[in-house]
């Protein structure tokens, strides 16, 4: 699967607002904010791109499923479940 973004791109500083209690507790545990946010955003991007792809391809997927229901699958004769 191709990368959704350039993991080697330069870092860019930004400002954001976060719950003060959450921030204090995370800092106390020495959790890397940048790495944690980057990981969370990458996961959210992956989920959003997956949802977008499924929405864009819903018609084709439905048609393929109808065809499989009507004609069966080529592997039907070979599977044991």
N, C-alpha and C. Protein backbone atom coordinates (compact mmCIF):
# COMPACT_ATOMS: atom_id res chain seq x y z
N UNK A 1 0.85 -1.18 0.00
CA UNK A 1 0.00 0.00 0.00
C UNK A 1 0.89 1.24 0.00
N UNK A 2 0.63 2.18 -0.87
CA UNK A 2 1.45 3.39 -0.91
C UNK A 2 1.26 4.22 0.36
N UNK A 3 2.30 4.98 0.67
CA UNK A 3 2.23 5.86 1.84
C UNK A 3 1.22 6.97 1.59
N UNK A 4 0.51 7.34 2.62
CA UNK A 4 -0.49 8.40 2.52
C UNK A 4 0.13 9.78 2.59
N UNK A 5 1.35 9.84 3.10
CA UNK A 5 2.05 11.12 3.22
C UNK A 5 3.54 10.84 3.23
N UNK A 6 4.33 11.87 3.01
CA UNK A 6 5.79 11.73 2.99
C UNK A 6 6.32 11.72 4.42
N UNK A 7 6.70 10.57 4.91
CA UNK A 7 7.19 10.43 6.27
C UNK A 7 8.52 11.12 6.48
N UNK A 8 9.22 11.46 5.41
CA UNK A 8 10.52 12.12 5.51
C UNK A 8 10.44 13.63 5.30
N UNK A 9 9.24 14.16 5.16
CA UNK A 9 9.08 15.60 4.96
C UNK A 9 9.58 16.35 6.20
N UNK A 10 9.98 17.57 5.98
CA UNK A 10 10.47 18.40 7.08
C UNK A 10 9.38 18.62 8.12
N UNK A 11 9.81 18.76 9.37
CA UNK A 11 8.87 19.05 10.46
C UNK A 11 8.48 20.52 10.38
N UNK A 12 7.27 20.83 10.78
CA UNK A 12 6.78 22.20 10.78
C UNK A 12 6.15 22.47 12.14
N UNK A 13 6.58 23.52 12.79
CA UNK A 13 6.01 23.86 14.09
C UNK A 13 4.62 24.46 13.90
N UNK A 14 3.78 24.25 14.90
CA UNK A 14 2.41 24.75 14.84
C UNK A 14 1.93 24.97 16.26
N UNK A 15 0.84 25.68 16.38
CA UNK A 15 0.22 25.91 17.69
C UNK A 15 -1.10 25.15 17.73
N UNK A 16 -1.44 24.65 18.91
CA UNK A 16 -2.72 24.00 19.09
C UNK A 16 -3.15 24.14 20.54
N UNK A 17 -4.42 23.93 20.76
CA UNK A 17 -4.96 23.99 22.11
C UNK A 17 -5.26 22.57 22.58
N UNK A 18 -4.96 22.33 23.85
CA UNK A 18 -5.18 21.01 24.42
C UNK A 18 -5.61 21.16 25.87
N UNK A 19 -6.38 20.23 26.34
CA UNK A 19 -6.85 20.22 27.72
C UNK A 19 -5.64 20.34 28.66
N UNK A 20 -5.67 21.31 29.55
CA UNK A 20 -4.51 21.59 30.40
C UNK A 20 -4.18 20.43 31.34
N UNK A 21 -5.18 19.76 31.86
CA UNK A 21 -4.92 18.63 32.76
C UNK A 21 -4.29 17.48 31.99
N UNK A 22 -4.81 17.21 30.81
CA UNK A 22 -4.25 16.15 29.97
C UNK A 22 -2.78 16.47 29.65
N UNK A 23 -2.52 17.69 29.27
CA UNK A 23 -1.16 18.10 28.93
C UNK A 23 -0.22 17.93 30.12
N UNK A 24 -0.65 18.34 31.30
CA UNK A 24 0.19 18.23 32.49
C UNK A 24 0.52 16.77 32.79
N UNK A 25 -0.45 15.90 32.69
CA UNK A 25 -0.23 14.49 32.99
C UNK A 25 0.67 13.81 31.96
N UNK A 26 0.50 14.18 30.71
CA UNK A 26 1.33 13.63 29.65
C UNK A 26 2.78 14.09 29.82
N UNK A 27 2.96 15.37 30.12
CA UNK A 27 4.32 15.89 30.32
C UNK A 27 4.98 15.23 31.52
N UNK A 28 4.22 15.00 32.58
CA UNK A 28 4.76 14.37 33.78
C UNK A 28 5.29 12.97 33.47
N UNK A 29 4.66 12.29 32.53
CA UNK A 29 5.09 10.96 32.14
C UNK A 29 6.11 10.96 30.99
N UNK A 30 6.56 12.14 30.62
CA UNK A 30 7.55 12.30 29.54
C UNK A 30 7.11 11.68 28.22
N UNK A 31 5.83 11.81 27.92
CA UNK A 31 5.31 11.33 26.63
C UNK A 31 5.62 12.38 25.57
N UNK A 32 6.19 11.94 24.47
CA UNK A 32 6.58 12.83 23.38
C UNK A 32 5.32 13.31 22.65
N UNK A 33 4.99 14.58 22.84
CA UNK A 33 3.76 15.12 22.25
C UNK A 33 3.79 15.08 20.72
N UNK A 34 4.89 15.48 20.14
CA UNK A 34 4.97 15.53 18.68
C UNK A 34 4.82 14.14 18.07
N UNK A 35 5.53 13.17 18.60
CA UNK A 35 5.46 11.81 18.06
C UNK A 35 4.07 11.21 18.26
N UNK A 36 3.48 11.47 19.43
CA UNK A 36 2.16 10.93 19.73
C UNK A 36 1.11 11.54 18.82
N UNK A 37 1.15 12.85 18.64
CA UNK A 37 0.19 13.51 17.76
C UNK A 37 0.40 13.07 16.31
N UNK A 38 1.64 12.97 15.88
CA UNK A 38 1.91 12.54 14.51
C UNK A 38 1.36 11.14 14.27
N UNK A 39 1.55 10.24 15.22
CA UNK A 39 1.02 8.88 15.08
C UNK A 39 -0.51 8.90 15.04
N UNK A 40 -1.13 9.67 15.92
CA UNK A 40 -2.60 9.74 15.97
C UNK A 40 -3.16 10.34 14.67
N UNK A 41 -2.50 11.37 14.15
CA UNK A 41 -2.97 11.98 12.91
C UNK A 41 -2.79 11.03 11.73
N UNK A 42 -1.72 10.27 11.71
CA UNK A 42 -1.49 9.31 10.64
C UNK A 42 -2.59 8.23 10.67
N UNK A 43 -2.95 7.77 11.85
CA UNK A 43 -4.03 6.78 11.98
C UNK A 43 -5.37 7.37 11.54
N UNK A 44 -5.63 8.61 11.91
CA UNK A 44 -6.88 9.27 11.51
C UNK A 44 -6.92 9.47 10.00
N UNK A 45 -5.78 9.83 9.40
CA UNK A 45 -5.70 9.98 7.95
C UNK A 45 -5.97 8.64 7.27
N UNK A 46 -5.39 7.57 7.79
CA UNK A 46 -5.61 6.24 7.22
C UNK A 46 -7.09 5.86 7.28
N UNK A 47 -7.73 6.12 8.42
CA UNK A 47 -9.15 5.81 8.58
C UNK A 47 -10.00 6.63 7.62
N UNK A 48 -9.70 7.93 7.52
CA UNK A 48 -10.47 8.81 6.64
C UNK A 48 -10.30 8.42 5.17
N UNK A 49 -9.10 8.08 4.76
CA UNK A 49 -8.85 7.66 3.38
C UNK A 49 -9.56 6.33 3.08
N UNK A 50 -9.56 5.41 4.07
CA UNK A 50 -10.26 4.14 3.90
C UNK A 50 -11.76 4.38 3.73
N UNK A 51 -12.33 5.22 4.58
CA UNK A 51 -13.76 5.52 4.49
C UNK A 51 -14.11 6.18 3.16
N UNK A 52 -13.23 7.08 2.71
CA UNK A 52 -13.44 7.76 1.42
C UNK A 52 -13.43 6.74 0.28
N UNK A 53 -12.45 5.82 0.32
CA UNK A 53 -12.34 4.81 -0.73
C UNK A 53 -13.58 3.92 -0.75
N UNK A 54 -14.01 3.48 0.45
CA UNK A 54 -15.20 2.62 0.52
C UNK A 54 -16.44 3.34 -0.02
N UNK A 55 -16.57 4.62 0.30
CA UNK A 55 -17.72 5.40 -0.20
C UNK A 55 -17.67 5.53 -1.72
N UNK A 56 -16.47 5.83 -2.24
CA UNK A 56 -16.31 6.01 -3.68
C UNK A 56 -16.54 4.70 -4.45
N UNK A 57 -16.27 3.57 -3.82
CA UNK A 57 -16.34 2.28 -4.51
C UNK A 57 -17.52 1.42 -4.07
N UNK A 58 -18.43 2.00 -3.29
CA UNK A 58 -19.58 1.26 -2.77
C UNK A 58 -20.40 0.63 -3.88
N UNK A 59 -20.67 1.36 -4.94
CA UNK A 59 -21.47 0.84 -6.04
C UNK A 59 -20.84 -0.39 -6.67
N UNK A 60 -19.55 -0.32 -6.94
CA UNK A 60 -18.86 -1.45 -7.56
C UNK A 60 -18.80 -2.65 -6.61
N UNK A 61 -18.56 -2.38 -5.34
CA UNK A 61 -18.52 -3.47 -4.35
C UNK A 61 -19.88 -4.14 -4.26
N UNK A 62 -20.95 -3.35 -4.21
CA UNK A 62 -22.30 -3.91 -4.15
C UNK A 62 -22.61 -4.76 -5.38
N UNK A 63 -22.21 -4.28 -6.55
CA UNK A 63 -22.45 -5.03 -7.79
C UNK A 63 -21.68 -6.34 -7.79
N UNK A 64 -20.44 -6.31 -7.34
CA UNK A 64 -19.64 -7.53 -7.28
C UNK A 64 -20.25 -8.52 -6.29
N UNK A 65 -20.73 -8.03 -5.17
CA UNK A 65 -21.38 -8.91 -4.19
C UNK A 65 -22.66 -9.52 -4.76
N UNK A 66 -23.44 -8.74 -5.51
CA UNK A 66 -24.65 -9.27 -6.16
C UNK A 66 -24.29 -10.38 -7.15
N UNK A 67 -23.24 -10.14 -7.93
CA UNK A 67 -22.79 -11.13 -8.89
C UNK A 67 -22.34 -12.41 -8.18
N UNK A 68 -21.61 -12.26 -7.10
CA UNK A 68 -21.15 -13.43 -6.34
C UNK A 68 -22.34 -14.19 -5.75
N UNK A 69 -23.34 -13.47 -5.26
CA UNK A 69 -24.54 -14.11 -4.73
C UNK A 69 -25.29 -14.88 -5.82
N UNK A 70 -25.31 -14.31 -7.01
CA UNK A 70 -26.06 -14.91 -8.12
C UNK A 70 -25.32 -16.10 -8.73
N UNK A 71 -24.04 -15.96 -8.96
CA UNK A 71 -23.28 -16.99 -9.69
C UNK A 71 -22.37 -17.82 -8.80
N UNK A 72 -22.15 -17.39 -7.58
CA UNK A 72 -21.22 -18.10 -6.70
C UNK A 72 -19.80 -17.65 -6.97
N UNK A 73 -18.89 -18.26 -6.24
CA UNK A 73 -17.47 -17.94 -6.37
C UNK A 73 -16.74 -19.11 -7.01
N UNK A 74 -15.65 -18.83 -7.70
CA UNK A 74 -14.90 -19.90 -8.35
C UNK A 74 -14.36 -20.89 -7.33
N UNK A 75 -14.18 -20.48 -6.10
CA UNK A 75 -13.61 -21.35 -5.08
C UNK A 75 -14.65 -22.16 -4.31
N UNK A 76 -15.93 -21.98 -4.63
CA UNK A 76 -16.99 -22.68 -3.90
C UNK A 76 -16.79 -24.20 -3.86
N UNK A 77 -16.31 -24.77 -4.95
CA UNK A 77 -16.15 -26.22 -5.03
C UNK A 77 -14.97 -26.73 -4.20
N UNK A 78 -14.08 -25.84 -3.82
CA UNK A 78 -12.85 -26.25 -3.16
C UNK A 78 -12.82 -25.95 -1.66
N UNK A 79 -13.65 -25.08 -1.20
CA UNK A 79 -13.58 -24.72 0.22
C UNK A 79 -14.35 -25.74 1.05
N UNK A 80 -13.88 -25.92 2.28
CA UNK A 80 -14.47 -26.92 3.15
C UNK A 80 -15.24 -26.36 4.32
N UNK A 81 -15.68 -25.13 4.21
CA UNK A 81 -16.45 -24.52 5.32
C UNK A 81 -17.75 -23.97 4.83
